[in-house]
Amino acid sequence: WEEEHKQFRMERGQWLLDAYLLDLSTKKPINVTGVERVSHYNGGL
């Protein structure tokens, strides 16, 4: 749909963007935007 209409459509259920913190020593990623979630699209951490 985005390609056809040449615009973003970042609706819930169609997009998911989260920010993770990855400790280089443990290599374990933690989803901090998924805690007490306020949005399905979270950028710019």
All heavy atoms as atom14 arrays in JSON, in Angstrom:
{
  "sequence": "WEEEHKQFRMERGQWLLDAYLLDLSTKKPINVTGVERVSHYNGGL",
  "atom14_mask": [
    [1, 1, 1, 1, 1, 1, 1, 1, 1, 1, 1, 1, 1, 1],
    [1, 1, 1, 1, 1, 1, 1, 1, 1, 0, 0, 0, 0, 0],
    [1, 1, 1, 1, 1, 1, 1, 1, 1, 0, 0, 0, 0, 0],
    [1, 1, 1, 1, 1, 1, 1, 1, 1, 0, 0, 0, 0, 0],
    [1, 1, 1, 1, 1, 1, 1, 1, 1, 1, 0, 0, 0, 0],
    [1, 1, 1, 1, 1, 1, 1, 1, 1, 0, 0, 0, 0, 0],
    [1, 1, 1, 1, 1, 1, 1, 1, 1, 0, 0, 0, 0, 0],
    [1, 1, 1, 1, 1, 1, 1, 1, 1, 1, 1, 0, 0, 0],
    [1, 1, 1, 1, 1, 1, 1, 1, 1, 1, 1, 0, 0, 0],
    [1, 1, 1, 1, 1, 1, 1, 1, 0, 0, 0, 0, 0, 0],
    [1, 1, 1, 1, 1, 1, 1, 1, 1, 0, 0, 0, 0, 0],
    [1, 1, 1, 1, 1, 1, 1, 1, 1, 1, 1, 0, 0, 0],
    [1, 1, 1, 1, 0, 0, 0, 0, 0, 0, 0, 0, 0, 0],
    [1, 1, 1, 1, 1, 1, 1, 1, 1, 0, 0, 0, 0, 0],
    [1, 1, 1, 1, 1, 1, 1, 1, 1, 1, 1, 1, 1, 1],
    [1, 1, 1, 1, 1, 1, 1, 1, 0, 0, 0, 0, 0, 0],
    [1, 1, 1, 1, 1, 1, 1, 1, 0, 0, 0, 0, 0, 0],
    [1, 1, 1, 1, 1, 1, 1, 1, 0, 0, 0, 0, 0, 0],
    [1, 1, 1, 1, 1, 0, 0, 0, 0, 0, 0, 0, 0, 0],
    [1, 1, 1, 1, 1, 1, 1, 1, 1, 1, 1, 1, 0, 0],
    [1, 1, 1, 1, 1, 1, 1, 1, 0, 0, 0, 0, 0, 0],
    [1, 1, 1, 1, 1, 1, 1, 1, 0, 0, 0, 0, 0, 0],
    [1, 1, 1, 1, 1, 1, 1, 1, 0, 0, 0, 0, 0, 0],
    [1, 1, 1, 1, 1, 1, 1, 1, 0, 0, 0, 0, 0, 0],
    [1, 1, 1, 1, 1, 1, 0, 0, 0, 0, 0, 0, 0, 0],
    [1, 1, 1, 1, 1, 1, 1, 0, 0, 0, 0, 0, 0, 0],
    [1, 1, 1, 1, 1, 1, 1, 1, 1, 0, 0, 0, 0, 0],
    [1, 1, 1, 1, 1, 1, 1, 1, 1, 0, 0, 0, 0, 0],
    [1, 1, 1, 1, 1, 1, 1, 0, 0, 0, 0, 0, 0, 0],
    [1, 1, 1, 1, 1, 1, 1, 1, 0, 0, 0, 0, 0, 0],
    [1, 1, 1, 1, 1, 1, 1, 1, 0, 0, 0, 0, 0, 0],
    [1, 1, 1, 1, 1, 1, 1, 0, 0, 0, 0, 0, 0, 0],
    [1, 1, 1, 1, 1, 1, 1, 0, 0, 0, 0, 0, 0, 0],
    [1, 1, 1, 1, 0, 0, 0, 0, 0, 0, 0, 0, 0, 0],
    [1, 1, 1, 1, 1, 1, 1, 0, 0, 0, 0, 0, 0, 0],
    [1, 1, 1, 1, 1, 1, 1, 1, 1, 0, 0, 0, 0, 0],
    [1, 1, 1, 1, 1, 1, 1, 1, 1, 1, 1, 0, 0, 0],
    [1, 1, 1, 1, 1, 1, 1, 0, 0, 0, 0, 0, 0, 0],
    [1, 1, 1, 1, 1, 1, 0, 0, 0, 0, 0, 0, 0, 0],
    [1, 1, 1, 1, 1, 1, 1, 1, 1, 1, 0, 0, 0, 0],
    [1, 1, 1, 1, 1, 1, 1, 1, 1, 1, 1, 1, 0, 0],
    [1, 1, 1, 1, 1, 1, 1, 1, 0, 0, 0, 0, 0, 0],
    [1, 1, 1, 1, 0, 0, 0, 0, 0, 0, 0, 0, 0, 0],
    [1, 1, 1, 1, 0, 0, 0, 0, 0, 0, 0, 0, 0, 0],
    [1, 1, 1, 1, 1, 1, 1, 1, 0, 0, 0, 0, 0, 0]
  ],
  "atom14_positions": [
    [[0.84, -1.2, 0.0], [0.0, 0.0, 0.0], [0.88, 1.25, 0.0], [0.6, 2.22, -0.74], [-0.91, 0.0, 1.23], [-1.9, 1.14, 1.25], [-3.18, 1.12, 0.8], [-1.65, 2.48, 1.72], [-3.77, 2.35, 0.98], [-2.85, 3.2, 1.54], [-0.56, 3.12, 2.29], [-2.97, 4.54, 1.9], [-0.67, 4.46, 2.64], [-1.87, 5.16, 2.45]],
    [[1.93, 1.27, 0.82], [2.82, 2.43, 0.88], [3.51, 2.68, -0.45], [3.66, 3.83, -0.88], [3.86, 2.23, 2.0], [3.25, 2.29, 3.39], [4.3, 2.17, 4.48], [5.46, 1.77, 4.18], [3.99, 2.48, 5.64], [0.0, 0.0, 0.0], [0.0, 0.0, 0.0], [0.0, 0.0, 0.0], [0.0, 0.0, 0.0], [0.0, 0.0, 0.0]],
    [[3.95, 1.61, -1.1], [4.59, 1.78, -2.4], [3.61, 2.36, -3.43], [3.97, 3.24, -4.22], [5.14, 0.44, -2.91], [6.36, -0.06, -2.17], [7.57, 0.83, -2.37], [7.68, 1.48, -3.44], [8.41, 0.89, -1.46], [0.0, 0.0, 0.0], [0.0, 0.0, 0.0], [0.0, 0.0, 0.0], [0.0, 0.0, 0.0], [0.0, 0.0, 0.0]],
    [[2.39, 1.87, -3.4], [1.4, 2.34, -4.36], [1.04, 3.8, -4.13], [0.9, 4.58, -5.08], [0.14, 1.47, -4.25], [-0.97, 1.9, -5.21], [-2.24, 1.07, -5.04], [-2.2, 0.07, -4.29], [-3.26, 1.43, -5.66], [0.0, 0.0, 0.0], [0.0, 0.0, 0.0], [0.0, 0.0, 0.0], [0.0, 0.0, 0.0], [0.0, 0.0, 0.0]],
    [[0.91, 4.19, -2.86], [0.48, 5.55, -2.54], [1.64, 6.49, -2.24], [1.44, 7.68, -2.01], [-0.48, 5.52, -1.34], [-1.78, 4.84, -1.62], [-1.92, 3.46, -1.54], [-2.98, 5.33, -2.01], [-3.17, 3.14, -1.84], [-3.83, 4.25, -2.14], [0.0, 0.0, 0.0], [0.0, 0.0, 0.0], [0.0, 0.0, 0.0], [0.0, 0.0, 0.0]],
    [[2.86, 5.93, -2.21], [4.09, 6.71, -1.98], [4.03, 7.53, -0.7], [4.37, 8.72, -0.67], [4.38, 7.6, -3.19], [4.56, 6.82, -4.48], [5.02, 7.7, -5.62], [5.11, 6.91, -6.93], [5.91, 5.69, -6.83], [0.0, 0.0, 0.0], [0.0, 0.0, 0.0], [0.0, 0.0, 0.0], [0.0, 0.0, 0.0], [0.0, 0.0, 0.0]],
    [[3.59, 6.89, 0.36], [3.55, 7.52, 1.68], [3.51, 6.45, 2.76], [3.12, 5.31, 2.5], [2.34, 8.43, 1.82], [1.0, 7.69, 1.81], [-0.18, 8.62, 1.91], [-0.49, 9.35, 0.98], [-0.85, 8.6, 3.06], [0.0, 0.0, 0.0], [0.0, 0.0, 0.0], [0.0, 0.0, 0.0], [0.0, 0.0, 0.0], [0.0, 0.0, 0.0]],
    [[3.95, 6.82, 3.98], [3.91, 5.89, 5.1], [2.49, 5.77, 5.63], [1.71, 6.73, 5.61], [4.83, 6.36, 6.23], [6.29, 6.21, 5.94], [7.12, 7.31, 5.89], [6.82, 4.95, 5.72], [8.47, 7.17, 5.62], [8.18, 4.79, 5.45], [9.0, 5.91, 5.4], [0.0, 0.0, 0.0], [0.0, 0.0, 0.0], [0.0, 0.0, 0.0]],
    [[2.15, 4.57, 6.12], [0.9, 4.33, 6.83], [1.26, 3.48, 8.04], [1.17, 2.26, 8.03], [-0.12, 3.63, 5.93], [-1.48, 3.48, 6.58], [-2.5, 2.86, 5.65], [-2.18, 1.48, 5.3], [-2.98, 0.66, 4.62], [-4.16, 1.11, 4.21], [-2.62, -0.57, 4.33], [0.0, 0.0, 0.0], [0.0, 0.0, 0.0], [0.0, 0.0, 0.0]],
    [[1.63, 4.16, 9.13], [2.18, 3.47, 10.3], [1.09, 3.16, 11.3], [1.11, 3.64, 12.45], [3.28, 4.33, 10.93], [4.48, 4.52, 10.0], [5.63, 5.73, 10.62], [6.94, 5.61, 9.38], [0.0, 0.0, 0.0], [0.0, 0.0, 0.0], [0.0, 0.0, 0.0], [0.0, 0.0, 0.0], [0.0, 0.0, 0.0], [0.0, 0.0, 0.0]],
    [[0.15, 2.34, 10.9], [-0.97, 1.99, 11.76], [-0.64, 0.79, 12.64], [0.17, -0.06, 12.28], [-2.2, 1.7, 10.91], [-2.69, 2.9, 10.11], [-3.9, 2.56, 9.24], [-4.25, 1.36, 9.17], [-4.47, 3.5, 8.64], [0.0, 0.0, 0.0], [0.0, 0.0, 0.0], [0.0, 0.0, 0.0], [0.0, 0.0, 0.0], [0.0, 0.0, 0.0]],
    [[-1.3, 0.75, 13.78], [-1.15, -0.39, 14.68], [-1.56, -1.68, 13.98], [-2.56, -1.72, 13.28], [-2.0, -0.18, 15.94], [-1.77, -1.2, 17.04], [-2.65, -0.89, 18.23], [-2.4, 0.44, 18.76], [-1.43, 0.74, 19.62], [-0.62, -0.21, 20.05], [-1.28, 1.98, 20.06], [0.0, 0.0, 0.0], [0.0, 0.0, 0.0], [0.0, 0.0, 0.0]],
    [[-0.76, -2.72, 14.15], [-1.01, -3.98, 13.49], [-0.35, -4.11, 12.14], [-0.19, -5.22, 11.63], [0.0, 0.0, 0.0], [0.0, 0.0, 0.0], [0.0, 0.0, 0.0], [0.0, 0.0, 0.0], [0.0, 0.0, 0.0], [0.0, 0.0, 0.0], [0.0, 0.0, 0.0], [0.0, 0.0, 0.0], [0.0, 0.0, 0.0], [0.0, 0.0, 0.0]],
    [[0.04, -2.97, 11.56], [0.74, -2.96, 10.28], [2.23, -2.65, 10.43], [3.05, -3.04, 9.61], [0.1, -1.92, 9.34], [-1.38, -2.12, 9.11], [-1.67, -3.42, 8.39], [-0.88, -3.93, 7.61], [-2.84, -4.0, 8.68], [0.0, 0.0, 0.0], [0.0, 0.0, 0.0], [0.0, 0.0, 0.0], [0.0, 0.0, 0.0], [0.0, 0.0, 0.0]],
    [[2.56, -1.92, 11.47], [3.94, -1.54, 11.79], [4.24, -1.88, 13.26], [3.35, -1.82, 14.11], [4.14, -0.03, 11.62], [4.66, 0.41, 10.29], [3.92, 0.78, 9.2], [6.03, 0.59, 9.92], [4.74, 1.18, 8.17], [6.05, 1.08, 8.58], [7.25, 0.4, 10.57], [7.23, 1.37, 7.88], [8.42, 0.69, 9.88], [8.41, 1.16, 8.55]],
    [[5.5, -2.18, 13.54], [5.97, -2.28, 14.92], [7.44, -1.87, 14.93], [8.26, -2.44, 14.21], [5.84, -3.72, 15.45], [6.29, -3.93, 16.91], [5.45, -3.09, 17.86], [6.23, -5.4, 17.29], [0.0, 0.0, 0.0], [0.0, 0.0, 0.0], [0.0, 0.0, 0.0], [0.0, 0.0, 0.0], [0.0, 0.0, 0.0], [0.0, 0.0, 0.0]],
    [[7.74, -0.84, 15.7], [9.12, -0.38, 15.85], [9.41, -0.2, 17.33], [8.73, 0.56, 18.02], [9.36, 0.94, 15.11], [10.8, 1.45, 15.16], [11.71, 0.58, 14.3], [10.88, 2.91, 14.69], [0.0, 0.0, 0.0], [0.0, 0.0, 0.0], [0.0, 0.0, 0.0], [0.0, 0.0, 0.0], [0.0, 0.0, 0.0], [0.0, 0.0, 0.0]],
    [[10.43, -0.93, 17.81], [10.82, -0.84, 19.21], [12.32, -0.6, 19.34], [13.1, -0.93, 18.43], [10.46, -2.13, 19.96], [9.03, -2.14, 20.44], [8.59, -1.11, 21.0], [8.33, -3.15, 20.26], [0.0, 0.0, 0.0], [0.0, 0.0, 0.0], [0.0, 0.0, 0.0], [0.0, 0.0, 0.0], [0.0, 0.0, 0.0], [0.0, 0.0, 0.0]],
    [[12.71, -0.02, 20.47], [14.12, 0.26, 20.75], [14.61, -0.67, 21.85], [13.99, -0.79, 22.91], [14.29, 1.72, 21.17], [0.0, 0.0, 0.0], [0.0, 0.0, 0.0], [0.0, 0.0, 0.0], [0.0, 0.0, 0.0], [0.0, 0.0, 0.0], [0.0, 0.0, 0.0], [0.0, 0.0, 0.0], [0.0, 0.0, 0.0], [0.0, 0.0, 0.0]],
    [[15.73, -1.32, 21.57], [16.32, -2.29, 22.5], [17.68, -1.76, 22.99], [18.42, -1.11, 22.25], [16.56, -3.63, 21.81], [15.31, -4.42, 21.52], [14.45, -4.03, 20.5], [15.0, -5.56, 22.25], [13.31, -4.77, 20.22], [13.86, -6.3, 21.97], [13.02, -5.9, 20.97], [11.88, -6.63, 20.68], [0.0, 0.0, 0.0], [0.0, 0.0, 0.0]],
    [[18.0, -2.08, 24.24], [19.33, -1.86, 24.77], [20.05, -3.2, 24.8], [19.55, -4.16, 25.38], [19.27, -1.26, 26.18], [18.59, 0.11, 26.29], [18.62, 0.61, 27.74], [19.23, 1.13, 25.36], [0.0, 0.0, 0.0], [0.0, 0.0, 0.0], [0.0, 0.0, 0.0], [0.0, 0.0, 0.0], [0.0, 0.0, 0.0], [0.0, 0.0, 0.0]],
    [[21.23, -3.24, 24.18], [21.99, -4.49, 24.07], [23.32, -4.34, 24.81], [24.2, -3.6, 24.36], [22.25, -4.83, 22.61], [23.09, -6.08, 22.34], [22.3, -7.33, 22.68], [23.55, -6.13, 20.89], [0.0, 0.0, 0.0], [0.0, 0.0, 0.0], [0.0, 0.0, 0.0], [0.0, 0.0, 0.0], [0.0, 0.0, 0.0], [0.0, 0.0, 0.0]],
    [[23.45, -5.02, 25.95], [24.72, -5.04, 26.69], [25.72, -5.87, 25.9], [25.47, -7.04, 25.61], [24.49, -5.64, 28.07], [25.71, -5.56, 28.97], [26.8, -6.0, 28.54], [25.59, -5.05, 30.09], [0.0, 0.0, 0.0], [0.0, 0.0, 0.0], [0.0, 0.0, 0.0], [0.0, 0.0, 0.0], [0.0, 0.0, 0.0], [0.0, 0.0, 0.0]],
    [[26.86, -5.26, 25.53], [27.82, -5.98, 24.69], [28.45, -7.16, 25.39], [28.93, -8.09, 24.74], [28.91, -5.02, 24.21], [28.48, -3.94, 23.21], [29.7, -3.2, 22.68], [27.68, -4.52, 22.06], [0.0, 0.0, 0.0], [0.0, 0.0, 0.0], [0.0, 0.0, 0.0], [0.0, 0.0, 0.0], [0.0, 0.0, 0.0], [0.0, 0.0, 0.0]],
    [[28.46, -7.16, 26.73], [29.08, -8.27, 27.46], [28.15, -9.48, 27.53], [28.6, -10.62, 27.45], [29.48, -7.83, 28.87], [28.34, -7.44, 29.63], [0.0, 0.0, 0.0], [0.0, 0.0, 0.0], [0.0, 0.0, 0.0], [0.0, 0.0, 0.0], [0.0, 0.0, 0.0], [0.0, 0.0, 0.0], [0.0, 0.0, 0.0], [0.0, 0.0, 0.0]],
    [[26.86, -9.26, 27.66], [25.91, -10.37, 27.78], [25.22, -10.69, 26.45], [24.69, -11.79, 26.29], [24.82, -10.03, 28.8], [24.03, -8.93, 28.32], [25.44, -9.65, 30.15], [0.0, 0.0, 0.0], [0.0, 0.0, 0.0], [0.0, 0.0, 0.0], [0.0, 0.0, 0.0], [0.0, 0.0, 0.0], [0.0, 0.0, 0.0], [0.0, 0.0, 0.0]],
    [[25.23, -9.71, 25.52], [24.56, -9.84, 24.21], [23.05, -10.02, 24.35], [22.38, -10.49, 23.43], [25.14, -11.02, 23.41], [26.63, -10.88, 23.12], [26.92, -9.72, 22.22], [28.35, -9.73, 21.68], [29.38, -9.64, 22.72], [0.0, 0.0, 0.0], [0.0, 0.0, 0.0], [0.0, 0.0, 0.0], [0.0, 0.0, 0.0], [0.0, 0.0, 0.0]],
    [[22.48, -9.63, 25.5], [21.05, -9.79, 25.73], [20.33, -8.49, 25.42], [20.56, -7.47, 26.08], [20.77, -10.2, 27.17], [19.3, -10.4, 27.48], [19.07, -10.77, 28.93], [17.58, -10.93, 29.22], [17.33, -11.28, 30.65], [0.0, 0.0, 0.0], [0.0, 0.0, 0.0], [0.0, 0.0, 0.0], [0.0, 0.0, 0.0], [0.0, 0.0, 0.0]],
    [[19.43, -8.46, 24.42], [18.68, -7.23, 24.11], [17.45, -7.07, 25.01], [16.73, -8.03, 25.27], [18.26, -7.44, 22.65], [18.17, -8.92, 22.49], [19.16, -9.53, 23.45], [0.0, 0.0, 0.0], [0.0, 0.0, 0.0], [0.0, 0.0, 0.0], [0.0, 0.0, 0.0], [0.0, 0.0, 0.0], [0.0, 0.0, 0.0], [0.0, 0.0, 0.0]],
    [[17.23, -5.86, 25.51], [16.09, -5.56, 26.37], [15.22, -4.51, 25.69], [15.69, -3.41, 25.36], [16.55, -5.05, 27.75], [17.38, -6.12, 28.46], [15.36, -4.65, 28.6], [18.0, -5.66, 29.75], [0.0, 0.0, 0.0], [0.0, 0.0, 0.0], [0.0, 0.0, 0.0], [0.0, 0.0, 0.0], [0.0, 0.0, 0.0], [0.0, 0.0, 0.0]],
    [[13.96, -4.81, 25.49], [13.02, -3.92, 24.81], [12.48, -2.9, 25.81], [11.5, -3.14, 26.49], [11.88, -4.74, 24.2], [10.91, -3.88, 23.41], [11.04, -2.67, 23.34], [9.92, -4.53, 22.81], [0.0, 0.0, 0.0], [0.0, 0.0, 0.0], [0.0, 0.0, 0.0], [0.0, 0.0, 0.0], [0.0, 0.0, 0.0], [0.0, 0.0, 0.0]],
    [[13.1, -1.72, 25.86], [12.68, -0.71, 26.84], [11.42, 0.02, 26.4], [10.67, 0.53, 27.25], [13.81, 0.3, 27.13], [14.92, -0.35, 27.94], [14.37, 0.91, 25.86], [0.0, 0.0, 0.0], [0.0, 0.0, 0.0], [0.0, 0.0, 0.0], [0.0, 0.0, 0.0], [0.0, 0.0, 0.0], [0.0, 0.0, 0.0], [0.0, 0.0, 0.0]],
    [[11.15, 0.1, 25.1], [9.92, 0.76, 24.68], [8.72, -0.18, 24.79], [7.57, 0.28, 24.74], [10.04, 1.29, 23.24], [10.47, 0.24, 22.37], [11.03, 2.43, 23.16], [0.0, 0.0, 0.0], [0.0, 0.0, 0.0], [0.0, 0.0, 0.0], [0.0, 0.0, 0.0], [0.0, 0.0, 0.0], [0.0, 0.0, 0.0], [0.0, 0.0, 0.0]],
    [[8.97, -1.47, 24.96], [7.88, -2.42, 25.16], [7.41, -2.5, 26.59], [6.37, -3.1, 26.88], [0.0, 0.0, 0.0], [0.0, 0.0, 0.0], [0.0, 0.0, 0.0], [0.0, 0.0, 0.0], [0.0, 0.0, 0.0], [0.0, 0.0, 0.0], [0.0, 0.0, 0.0], [0.0, 0.0, 0.0], [0.0, 0.0, 0.0], [0.0, 0.0, 0.0]],
    [[8.17, -1.91, 27.53], [7.78, -1.86, 28.94], [6.79, -0.72, 29.13], [7.03, 0.41, 28.67], [9.02, -1.62, 29.84], [8.61, -1.5, 31.3], [10.03, -2.73, 29.65], [0.0, 0.0, 0.0], [0.0, 0.0, 0.0], [0.0, 0.0, 0.0], [0.0, 0.0, 0.0], [0.0, 0.0, 0.0], [0.0, 0.0, 0.0], [0.0, 0.0, 0.0]],
    [[5.65, -1.0, 29.78], [4.6, 0.02, 29.95], [4.36, 0.73, 28.62], [4.39, 1.95, 28.52], [4.98, 1.01, 31.06], [5.13, 0.36, 32.42], [5.54, 1.35, 33.51], [5.78, 2.54, 33.2], [5.63, 0.95, 34.68], [0.0, 0.0, 0.0], [0.0, 0.0, 0.0], [0.0, 0.0, 0.0], [0.0, 0.0, 0.0], [0.0, 0.0, 0.0]],
    [[4.14, -0.05, 27.59], [4.08, 0.42, 26.21], [3.08, 1.57, 26.04], [1.95, 1.51, 26.5], [3.71, -0.74, 25.29], [3.63, -0.36, 23.81], [3.24, -1.55, 22.95], [4.28, -2.57, 22.92], [5.36, -2.5, 22.15], [5.57, -1.45, 21.39], [6.24, -3.49, 22.17], [0.0, 0.0, 0.0], [0.0, 0.0, 0.0], [0.0, 0.0, 0.0]],
    [[3.53, 2.62, 25.31], [2.64, 3.73, 24.98], [2.36, 3.81, 23.49], [1.48, 4.56, 23.06], [3.23, 5.08, 25.46], [3.35, 5.11, 26.97], [4.56, 5.37, 24.79], [0.0, 0.0, 0.0], [0.0, 0.0, 0.0], [0.0, 0.0, 0.0], [0.0, 0.0, 0.0], [0.0, 0.0, 0.0], [0.0, 0.0, 0.0], [0.0, 0.0, 0.0]],
    [[3.12, 3.05, 22.67], [2.94, 3.12, 21.23], [3.47, 1.86, 20.56], [4.33, 1.16, 21.11], [3.68, 4.35, 20.66], [3.64, 4.37, 19.25], [0.0, 0.0, 0.0], [0.0, 0.0, 0.0], [0.0, 0.0, 0.0], [0.0, 0.0, 0.0], [0.0, 0.0, 0.0], [0.0, 0.0, 0.0], [0.0, 0.0, 0.0], [0.0, 0.0, 0.0]],
    [[2.99, 1.62, 19.35], [3.5, 0.52, 18.53], [4.68, 0.98, 17.68], [5.33, 0.16, 17.04], [2.4, -0.01, 17.6], [1.97, 0.99, 16.57], [1.18, 2.09, 16.87], [2.23, 1.08, 15.23], [0.97, 2.8, 15.77], [1.61, 2.22, 14.77], [0.0, 0.0, 0.0], [0.0, 0.0, 0.0], [0.0, 0.0, 0.0], [0.0, 0.0, 0.0]],
    [[4.95, 2.28, 17.66], [6.04, 2.82, 16.85], [6.87, 3.77, 17.71], [6.41, 4.86, 18.09], [5.48, 3.57, 15.63], [6.54, 3.92, 14.61], [6.8, 3.08, 13.53], [7.29, 5.08, 14.73], [7.78, 3.39, 12.6], [8.27, 5.41, 13.81], [8.51, 4.56, 12.74], [9.5, 4.87, 11.83], [0.0, 0.0, 0.0], [0.0, 0.0, 0.0]],
    [[8.1, 3.36, 18.04], [8.93, 4.08, 19.0], [10.33, 4.27, 18.42], [11.08, 3.3, 18.28], [9.03, 3.31, 20.31], [7.68, 2.99, 20.9], [7.05, 3.8, 21.56], [7.2, 1.76, 20.63], [0.0, 0.0, 0.0], [0.0, 0.0, 0.0], [0.0, 0.0, 0.0], [0.0, 0.0, 0.0], [0.0, 0.0, 0.0], [0.0, 0.0, 0.0]],
    [[10.68, 5.49, 18.07], [11.99, 5.76, 17.47], [12.79, 6.76, 18.28], [12.36, 7.26, 19.32], [0.0, 0.0, 0.0], [0.0, 0.0, 0.0], [0.0, 0.0, 0.0], [0.0, 0.0, 0.0], [0.0, 0.0, 0.0], [0.0, 0.0, 0.0], [0.0, 0.0, 0.0], [0.0, 0.0, 0.0], [0.0, 0.0, 0.0], [0.0, 0.0, 0.0]],
    [[13.99, 7.07, 17.76], [14.8, 8.16, 18.31], [15.3, 7.97, 19.72], [15.53, 8.95, 20.43], [0.0, 0.0, 0.0], [0.0, 0.0, 0.0], [0.0, 0.0, 0.0], [0.0, 0.0, 0.0], [0.0, 0.0, 0.0], [0.0, 0.0, 0.0], [0.0, 0.0, 0.0], [0.0, 0.0, 0.0], [0.0, 0.0, 0.0], [0.0, 0.0, 0.0]],
    [[15.54, 6.74, 20.17], [15.98, 6.53, 21.55], [17.38, 7.08, 21.77], [18.28, 6.89, 20.97], [15.96, 5.03, 21.88], [16.26, 4.7, 23.35], [15.05, 5.0, 24.22], [16.68, 3.25, 23.51], [0.0, 0.0, 0.0], [0.0, 0.0, 0.0], [0.0, 0.0, 0.0], [0.0, 0.0, 0.0], [0.0, 0.0, 0.0], [0.0, 0.0, 0.0]]
  ]
}
